Amino acid sequence: MRAQVLQEFNKPYVPKEIDKPGPPQGKDILIRVKAASYCHTDAVFAAGSMWQDLPRVGSHEFAGEIIALGPDVDAKLGLSIGVDVGVPGRAYRPCGECYECRENDGDPEGYGVWCTKAGNLGLTRDGGFEEYALADSRQVAPMPDGLTAVDTAPLMCAGVTIWNALEVAGVNLRGGDNSGFSVAIIGAGGGLGHLGVQFAVKLGCKVIAVETGDNALKLLDKVKTGLGKDSDQVTIVDAGSTTPEDVRVQVFGTPESSLEGEKGAHGALILPESQQAFDFGMKLLRNHSTCVTVSFPIDGFRLQPRDLVFRHIKLMGVLVGRNRHLRAMLRFAAAHGVRAHVVTYSLERLNDLVRDYHQGASGKLVVDMEKR
């Protein structure tokens, strides 16, 4: 079968013919890949900045059709041959016995998304840049009507991660009233960010979408325009030409003297790996709010303890989400028209995709397996 294999760090992918996986065993399923998305983590991995070994077939966010089921797949999952599913990278074959697998908060019994013994498709196990791939039946989610494979693939990491981050920031994802809630998304014009803007608005939040750079700001303009009557819930901020203090006044009004902490965002999501982004987000927050970091720069972030102590700001981190998050996010995206802005490539043009990514292409870049 066709595949793109990373054989050396900091080198192009190599197109190869490799063996198709054998019949799935246990709780595994075999998937005919229809679309595979490229993520920032793919770039980090390809640069040799992670701990996994080579060679590897990349992509930990993909989608396709189930063509075979292992003998132990639970019927409660609603999976069968011919069903289209989205496939996130985490977690392939967790141990089933550790704390994460036992205390899994509504996921399938014995399945822990954060099990440290689990594999990760596209990182420790081969992922979606191939025609057929194995996955754990408990890690996937059926594609709702209205979503294509190209729509679904970017949601398998970017979508579920930003969905979970919004919940951690305090957004009610279960039908509650978010009309009084404001969230700042720093890096809103990237893959996660532009999905987060759409989710937050459709959930009823006021959004402060912060970016720098022409391509990212142009994407945000497109996203805002696409929201139609809800577009007035979004304030786009060019962080290169304004200050967080000015943004707080613009969005929330001038505070009463000595009560500056009463006005600001209820939550902030930090997506870029930069200290400037972290500082900008923290300064947009009101007292008793939550800062959620999704990025993980090698040198870390410097924080001011007084923000945590005197302003009572909570600092949280998020890595993807549980399977229940995945399924809920997909249903919401299908029902409310949340879509990634995508550019598609054939599998043979994967290295062109990578080049465009590093040159600052906006939105999500996706391999469409139907393209030649």
Protein backbone atom coordinates (compact mmCIF):
# COMPACT_ATOMS: atom_id res chain seq x y z
CA MET A 1 0.00 0.00 0.00
CA ARG A 2 1.05 3.64 -0.47
CA ALA A 3 2.56 5.47 2.48
CA GLN A 4 4.74 8.45 3.34
CA VAL A 5 7.48 7.51 5.80
CA LEU A 6 9.69 9.77 7.88
CA GLN A 7 13.03 7.96 7.86
CA GLU A 8 15.31 10.74 9.16
CA PHE A 9 14.65 13.78 11.31
CA ASN A 10 14.77 17.11 9.48
CA LYS A 11 14.46 15.32 6.14
CA PRO A 12 11.52 15.04 3.70
CA TYR A 13 9.01 12.20 3.95
CA VAL A 14 9.82 9.27 1.66
CA PRO A 15 7.02 7.79 -0.49
CA LYS A 16 7.09 4.00 -0.16
CA GLU A 17 5.10 0.87 -0.81
CA ILE A 18 4.74 -0.91 2.56
CA ASP A 19 2.79 -3.93 3.76
CA LYS A 20 -0.88 -3.48 4.56
CA PRO A 21 -1.64 -4.21 8.24
CA GLY A 22 -2.93 -7.70 8.92
CA PRO A 23 -6.38 -8.54 10.28
CA PRO A 24 -7.10 -6.55 13.48
CA GLN A 25 -6.72 -8.36 16.79
CA GLY A 26 -8.43 -7.81 20.13
CA LYS A 27 -10.12 -4.40 20.29
CA ASP A 28 -8.38 -3.08 17.18
CA ILE A 29 -10.07 -2.00 13.97
CA LEU A 30 -8.63 -1.65 10.48
CA ILE A 31 -9.37 1.61 8.70
CA ARG A 32 -9.13 2.64 5.06
CA VAL A 33 -7.79 6.16 5.44
CA LYS A 34 -9.69 8.84 3.53
CA ALA A 35 -8.05 12.00 4.90
CA ALA A 36 -5.11 12.78 7.18
CA SER A 37 -4.35 16.17 8.66
CA TYR A 38 -0.99 17.76 9.47
CA CYS A 39 -0.52 19.12 12.99
CA HIS A 40 2.08 21.29 14.71
CA THR A 41 3.12 18.18 16.67
CA ASP A 42 3.96 16.48 13.35
CA ALA A 43 6.41 19.30 12.68
CA VAL A 44 7.87 19.07 16.19
CA PHE A 45 8.27 15.31 15.80
CA ALA A 46 9.87 15.60 12.34
CA ALA A 47 12.40 18.08 13.76
CA GLY A 48 13.61 15.47 16.25
CA SER A 49 12.33 17.41 19.27
CA MET A 50 10.40 14.49 20.73
CA TRP A 51 11.49 11.13 22.07
CA GLN A 52 10.02 8.70 19.54
CA ASP A 53 12.01 6.54 17.13
CA LEU A 54 12.10 6.33 13.35
CA PRO A 55 11.02 5.26 10.81
CA ARG A 56 7.43 6.40 11.29
CA VAL A 57 4.29 7.04 9.26
CA GLY A 58 3.01 10.35 10.61
CA SER A 59 -0.39 12.00 11.22
CA HIS A 60 -2.26 11.60 14.47
CA GLU A 61 -5.48 13.21 13.20
CA PHE A 62 -7.17 11.32 10.40
CA ALA A 63 -10.45 9.82 9.25
CA GLY A 64 -11.62 6.86 7.22
CA GLU A 65 -13.83 3.81 6.82
CA ILE A 66 -13.78 0.73 9.04
CA ILE A 67 -13.09 -2.32 6.89
CA ALA A 68 -12.45 -4.92 9.60
CA LEU A 69 -13.13 -5.36 13.32
CA GLY A 70 -11.14 -7.26 15.90
CA PRO A 71 -12.97 -10.04 17.79
CA ASP A 72 -13.20 -8.10 21.06
CA VAL A 73 -14.66 -4.81 19.81
CA ASP A 74 -17.50 -3.80 22.15
CA ALA A 75 -20.87 -3.55 20.40
CA LYS A 76 -21.76 -0.62 22.70
CA LEU A 77 -19.34 1.56 20.73
CA GLY A 78 -21.66 1.50 17.72
CA LEU A 79 -18.93 0.51 15.27
CA SER A 80 -19.33 -1.80 12.29
CA ILE A 81 -17.76 -2.45 8.90
CA GLY A 82 -18.53 0.41 6.54
CA VAL A 83 -18.83 3.06 9.28
CA ASP A 84 -16.76 6.21 8.78
CA VAL A 85 -14.83 7.30 11.87
CA GLY A 86 -12.49 10.02 13.03
CA VAL A 87 -9.23 8.82 14.55
CA PRO A 88 -7.19 10.81 17.09
CA GLY A 89 -3.65 9.77 17.93
CA ARG A 90 -4.27 9.00 21.62
CA ALA A 91 -4.49 6.39 23.03
CA TYR A 92 -3.65 3.15 21.24
CA ARG A 93 -3.92 0.03 23.43
CA PRO A 94 -3.78 1.53 26.95
CA CYS A 95 -2.89 -0.85 29.76
CA GLY A 96 -6.37 -1.01 31.28
CA GLU A 97 -5.03 -1.23 34.84
CA CYS A 98 -3.41 2.09 35.80
CA TYR A 99 -5.17 5.01 37.49
CA GLU A 100 -5.85 6.72 34.14
CA CYS A 101 -7.54 3.60 32.78
CA ARG A 102 -9.57 2.94 35.94
CA GLU A 103 -10.61 6.55 36.65
CA ASN A 104 -11.51 7.44 33.08
CA ASP A 105 -14.47 9.77 33.63
CA GLY A 106 -17.09 8.25 31.36
CA ASP A 107 -14.89 6.73 28.67
CA PRO A 108 -15.08 3.01 27.76
CA GLU A 109 -14.23 0.74 30.68
CA GLY A 110 -10.50 0.19 31.06
CA TYR A 111 -9.66 2.85 28.48
CA GLY A 112 -7.56 5.80 29.64
CA VAL A 113 -6.73 8.53 27.12
CA TRP A 114 -3.76 9.63 29.25
CA CYS A 115 -2.43 6.14 30.05
CA THR A 116 1.35 6.47 29.95
CA LYS A 117 1.69 2.93 28.58
CA ALA A 118 -0.56 3.57 25.60
CA GLY A 119 0.75 4.04 22.09
CA ASN A 120 0.17 7.16 20.01
CA LEU A 121 -0.74 6.84 16.36
CA GLY A 122 1.59 8.89 14.19
CA LEU A 123 4.19 9.10 16.98
CA THR A 124 4.94 5.72 18.58
CA ARG A 125 2.77 3.80 16.08
CA ASP A 126 2.14 4.43 12.39
CA GLY A 127 -0.57 6.98 11.70
CA GLY A 128 -2.67 8.32 8.85
CA PHE A 129 -0.23 9.08 6.03
CA GLU A 130 -0.90 5.62 4.58
CA GLU A 131 -3.76 3.90 2.82
CA TYR A 132 -4.71 1.57 5.70
CA ALA A 133 -4.14 1.98 9.43
CA LEU A 134 -4.89 0.14 12.66
CA ALA A 135 -6.61 1.94 15.54
CA ASP A 136 -8.04 1.02 18.92
CA SER A 137 -11.83 0.84 18.65
CA ARG A 138 -12.13 2.82 21.90
CA GLN A 139 -10.20 5.81 20.60
CA VAL A 140 -12.33 6.57 17.54
CA ALA A 141 -15.67 8.33 17.04
CA PRO A 142 -18.27 7.80 14.29
CA MET A 143 -18.51 10.67 11.83
CA PRO A 144 -21.90 12.41 12.09
CA ASP A 145 -23.96 13.06 8.98
CA GLY A 146 -22.86 16.23 7.26
CA LEU A 147 -19.14 15.87 7.95
CA THR A 148 -16.74 14.56 5.30
CA ALA A 149 -13.44 12.86 6.04
CA VAL A 150 -11.61 16.07 5.09
CA ASP A 151 -13.85 17.98 7.53
CA THR A 152 -13.30 15.42 10.27
CA ALA A 153 -9.55 14.81 10.17
CA PRO A 154 -8.52 18.27 11.52
CA LEU A 155 -10.99 17.89 14.38
CA MET A 156 -9.23 14.79 15.70
CA CYS A 157 -6.47 16.77 17.40
CA ALA A 158 -7.04 20.48 16.85
CA GLY A 159 -10.79 20.22 17.33
CA VAL A 160 -10.92 18.02 20.42
CA THR A 161 -8.01 19.86 22.04
CA ILE A 162 -9.57 23.32 21.71
CA TRP A 163 -12.98 21.92 22.74
CA ASN A 164 -11.50 20.56 25.96
CA ALA A 165 -9.52 23.78 26.51
CA LEU A 166 -12.72 25.82 26.33
CA GLU A 167 -14.29 23.63 29.00
CA VAL A 168 -11.24 23.96 31.25
CA ALA A 169 -11.42 27.74 30.78
CA GLY A 170 -14.95 27.68 32.14
CA VAL A 171 -17.17 27.45 29.05
CA ASN A 172 -20.28 25.30 29.54
CA LEU A 173 -20.22 22.69 26.76
CA ARG A 174 -23.43 20.94 27.79
CA GLY A 175 -26.14 23.35 26.75
CA GLY A 176 -25.76 25.91 29.53
CA ASP A 177 -25.99 29.67 29.11
CA ASN A 178 -22.63 31.18 28.13
CA SER A 179 -24.02 34.57 27.11
CA GLY A 180 -22.15 36.39 29.88
CA PHE A 181 -18.88 34.53 29.38
CA SER A 182 -15.89 36.03 27.55
CA VAL A 183 -12.86 34.09 26.32
CA ALA A 184 -9.63 35.39 24.80
CA ILE A 185 -7.94 33.10 22.28
CA ILE A 186 -4.29 33.99 21.78
CA GLY A 187 -3.16 32.59 18.43
CA ALA A 188 -6.73 32.57 17.15
CA GLY A 189 -5.71 32.51 13.49
CA GLY A 190 -4.00 29.11 13.66
CA GLY A 191 -5.36 25.59 13.27
CA LEU A 192 -6.68 25.25 16.83
CA GLY A 193 -7.49 28.91 17.23
CA HIS A 194 -9.83 29.43 14.30
CA LEU A 195 -11.79 26.34 15.35
CA GLY A 196 -11.90 27.67 18.91
CA VAL A 197 -13.37 30.97 17.73
CA GLN A 198 -16.18 29.12 15.96
CA PHE A 199 -16.89 26.76 18.86
CA ALA A 200 -16.88 29.56 21.44
CA VAL A 201 -19.22 31.77 19.42
CA LYS A 202 -21.62 28.91 18.67
CA LEU A 203 -21.61 28.13 22.40
CA GLY A 204 -22.71 31.70 23.11
CA CYS A 205 -19.46 33.29 24.29
CA LYS A 206 -17.96 36.68 23.56
CA VAL A 207 -14.56 36.08 21.89
CA ILE A 208 -11.41 38.19 21.80
CA ALA A 209 -9.42 36.72 18.89
CA VAL A 210 -5.76 37.76 19.17
CA GLU A 211 -3.22 37.32 16.38
CA THR A 212 -0.24 38.80 14.56
CA GLY A 213 0.69 38.39 10.91
CA ASP A 214 -1.29 39.05 7.75
CA ASN A 215 -2.21 35.45 6.90
CA ALA A 216 -3.57 34.68 10.34
CA LEU A 217 -5.53 37.93 10.55
CA LYS A 218 -6.98 37.36 7.08
CA LEU A 219 -8.14 33.90 8.16
CA LEU A 220 -9.80 35.41 11.21
CA ASP A 221 -11.62 37.91 8.99
CA LYS A 222 -12.94 34.98 6.93
CA VAL A 223 -14.00 33.10 10.05
CA LYS A 224 -15.76 36.14 11.47
CA THR A 225 -17.57 36.83 8.20
CA GLY A 226 -18.66 33.19 8.05
CA LEU A 227 -20.35 33.52 11.44
CA GLY A 228 -23.01 35.75 9.92
CA LYS A 229 -25.33 37.28 12.52
CA ASP A 230 -23.06 36.01 15.31
CA SER A 231 -20.02 37.87 13.99
CA ASP A 232 -20.54 40.75 16.43
CA GLN A 233 -19.53 38.37 19.24
CA VAL A 234 -15.94 38.41 17.93
CA THR A 235 -13.37 41.18 18.41
CA ILE A 236 -10.26 40.63 16.28
CA VAL A 237 -7.08 42.03 17.84
CA ASP A 238 -3.77 42.61 16.08
CA ALA A 239 -1.36 42.14 18.96
CA GLY A 240 1.38 43.82 16.96
CA SER A 241 -0.38 47.17 16.99
CA THR A 242 -2.30 47.35 20.27
CA THR A 243 -1.84 46.59 23.95
CA PRO A 244 -3.84 44.24 26.16
CA GLU A 245 -4.73 47.17 28.40
CA ASP A 246 -6.30 48.99 25.44
CA VAL A 247 -8.13 45.84 24.39
CA ARG A 248 -9.68 45.48 27.83
CA VAL A 249 -11.01 49.01 27.67
CA GLN A 250 -12.22 48.54 24.08
CA VAL A 251 -14.12 45.34 24.84
CA PHE A 252 -15.19 45.76 28.46
CA GLY A 253 -15.19 49.51 29.00
CA THR A 254 -13.15 51.76 31.27
CA PRO A 255 -12.99 50.31 34.78
CA GLU A 256 -13.68 52.28 37.91
CA SER A 257 -10.50 53.57 39.53
CA SER A 258 -8.71 50.88 41.58
CA LEU A 259 -11.15 48.21 40.32
CA GLU A 260 -9.32 47.24 37.12
CA GLY A 261 -9.48 43.56 38.05
CA GLU A 262 -13.26 43.50 37.70
CA LYS A 263 -13.13 43.93 33.92
CA GLY A 264 -11.53 41.48 31.52
CA ALA A 265 -11.96 38.04 30.02
CA HIS A 266 -13.20 35.12 32.11
CA GLY A 267 -10.79 32.76 30.34
CA ALA A 268 -7.76 32.89 28.07
CA LEU A 269 -6.35 30.15 25.85
CA ILE A 270 -2.62 30.40 25.07
CA LEU A 271 -1.87 28.61 21.81
CA PRO A 272 1.49 30.00 20.53
CA GLU A 273 4.81 28.96 22.04
CA SER A 274 5.90 32.49 22.89
CA GLN A 275 6.34 34.45 26.08
CA GLN A 276 4.73 37.49 24.46
CA ALA A 277 1.57 35.48 23.77
CA PHE A 278 1.46 34.23 27.36
CA ASP A 279 1.92 37.72 28.77
CA PHE A 280 -0.72 39.19 26.44
CA GLY A 281 -3.25 36.59 27.46
CA MET A 282 -2.63 37.02 31.19
CA LYS A 283 -3.10 40.79 30.89
CA LEU A 284 -6.49 40.35 29.22
CA LEU A 285 -7.88 38.42 32.19
CA ARG A 286 -10.06 39.70 34.98
CA ASN A 287 -9.51 38.60 38.56
CA HIS A 288 -10.68 35.07 39.51
CA SER A 289 -10.34 33.86 35.90
CA THR A 290 -8.56 30.95 34.20
CA CYS A 291 -5.57 30.86 31.86
CA VAL A 292 -5.27 27.64 29.83
CA THR A 293 -2.03 26.84 28.04
CA VAL A 294 -2.08 24.35 25.18
CA SER A 295 1.45 24.97 23.91
CA PHE A 296 4.58 23.57 25.52
CA PRO A 297 7.68 25.61 24.61
CA ILE A 298 10.97 23.85 25.34
CA ASP A 299 12.15 26.67 27.61
CA GLY A 300 8.77 27.04 29.30
CA PHE A 301 6.87 30.21 30.21
CA ARG A 302 7.83 32.78 32.84
CA LEU A 303 4.87 33.71 35.00
CA GLN A 304 4.26 36.35 37.62
CA PRO A 305 3.22 34.65 40.89
CA ARG A 306 1.32 37.79 41.86
CA ASP A 307 -1.16 37.00 39.06
CA LEU A 308 -1.93 33.68 40.74
CA VAL A 309 -1.85 35.02 44.30
CA PHE A 310 -3.22 38.57 44.24
CA ARG A 311 -5.44 38.24 41.15
CA HIS A 312 -6.43 34.65 41.94
CA ILE A 313 -5.92 33.49 38.35
CA LYS A 314 -5.85 29.74 37.79
CA LEU A 315 -3.22 28.39 35.38
CA MET A 316 -4.20 25.12 33.70
CA GLY A 317 -2.88 22.91 30.91
CA VAL A 318 -4.68 20.80 28.31
CA LEU A 319 -3.60 17.89 26.12
CA VAL A 320 -6.32 16.72 23.69
CA GLY A 321 -9.44 15.35 25.43
CA ARG A 322 -11.30 12.20 26.39
CA ASN A 323 -13.27 10.05 23.97
CA ARG A 324 -16.50 11.53 25.35
CA HIS A 325 -15.15 15.00 24.48
CA LEU A 326 -14.35 13.73 20.98
CA ARG A 327 -17.84 12.43 20.31
CA ALA A 328 -19.58 15.48 21.77
CA MET A 329 -17.34 17.83 19.80
CA LEU A 330 -18.05 16.03 16.52
CA ARG A 331 -21.80 16.14 17.09
CA PHE A 332 -21.63 19.85 17.91
CA ALA A 333 -19.46 20.64 14.87
CA ALA A 334 -21.86 18.82 12.56
CA ALA A 335 -24.95 20.46 14.08
CA HIS A 336 -23.58 24.02 14.18
CA GLY A 337 -21.49 24.20 11.03
CA VAL A 338 -18.08 24.40 12.67
CA ARG A 339 -15.48 23.59 10.01
CA ALA A 340 -11.74 23.99 9.67
CA HIS A 341 -10.56 26.13 6.76
CA VAL A 342 -8.54 23.54 4.85
CA VAL A 343 -6.16 23.24 1.94
CA THR A 344 -5.95 19.71 0.53
CA TYR A 345 -3.07 17.79 -1.04
CA SER A 346 -2.60 14.33 -2.47
CA LEU A 347 -0.57 11.84 -0.45
CA GLU A 348 2.19 12.14 -3.05
CA ARG A 349 2.41 15.90 -2.35
CA LEU A 350 2.90 15.59 1.40
CA ASN A 351 6.28 17.30 1.26
CA ASP A 352 4.68 20.24 -0.56
CA LEU A 353 2.21 20.42 2.30
CA VAL A 354 5.05 20.50 4.83
CA ARG A 355 6.81 23.25 2.88
CA ASP A 356 3.64 25.35 2.81
CA TYR A 357 3.13 24.79 6.53
CA HIS A 358 6.60 26.13 7.33
CA GLN A 359 6.02 29.09 5.02
CA GLY A 360 3.05 30.16 7.14
CA ALA A 361 0.02 28.72 5.31
CA SER A 362 -3.12 29.41 7.32
CA GLY A 363 -5.87 27.05 8.43
CA LYS A 364 -5.40 23.28 8.37
CA LEU A 365 -3.43 21.39 5.71
CA VAL A 366 -4.93 18.00 4.91
CA VAL A 367 -3.99 15.01 2.79
CA ASP A 368 -7.04 13.89 0.80
CA MET A 369 -6.41 10.27 -0.11
CA GLU A 370 -8.81 10.52 -3.04
CA LYS A 371 -6.57 13.08 -4.74
CA ARG A 372 -3.92 11.93 -7.21
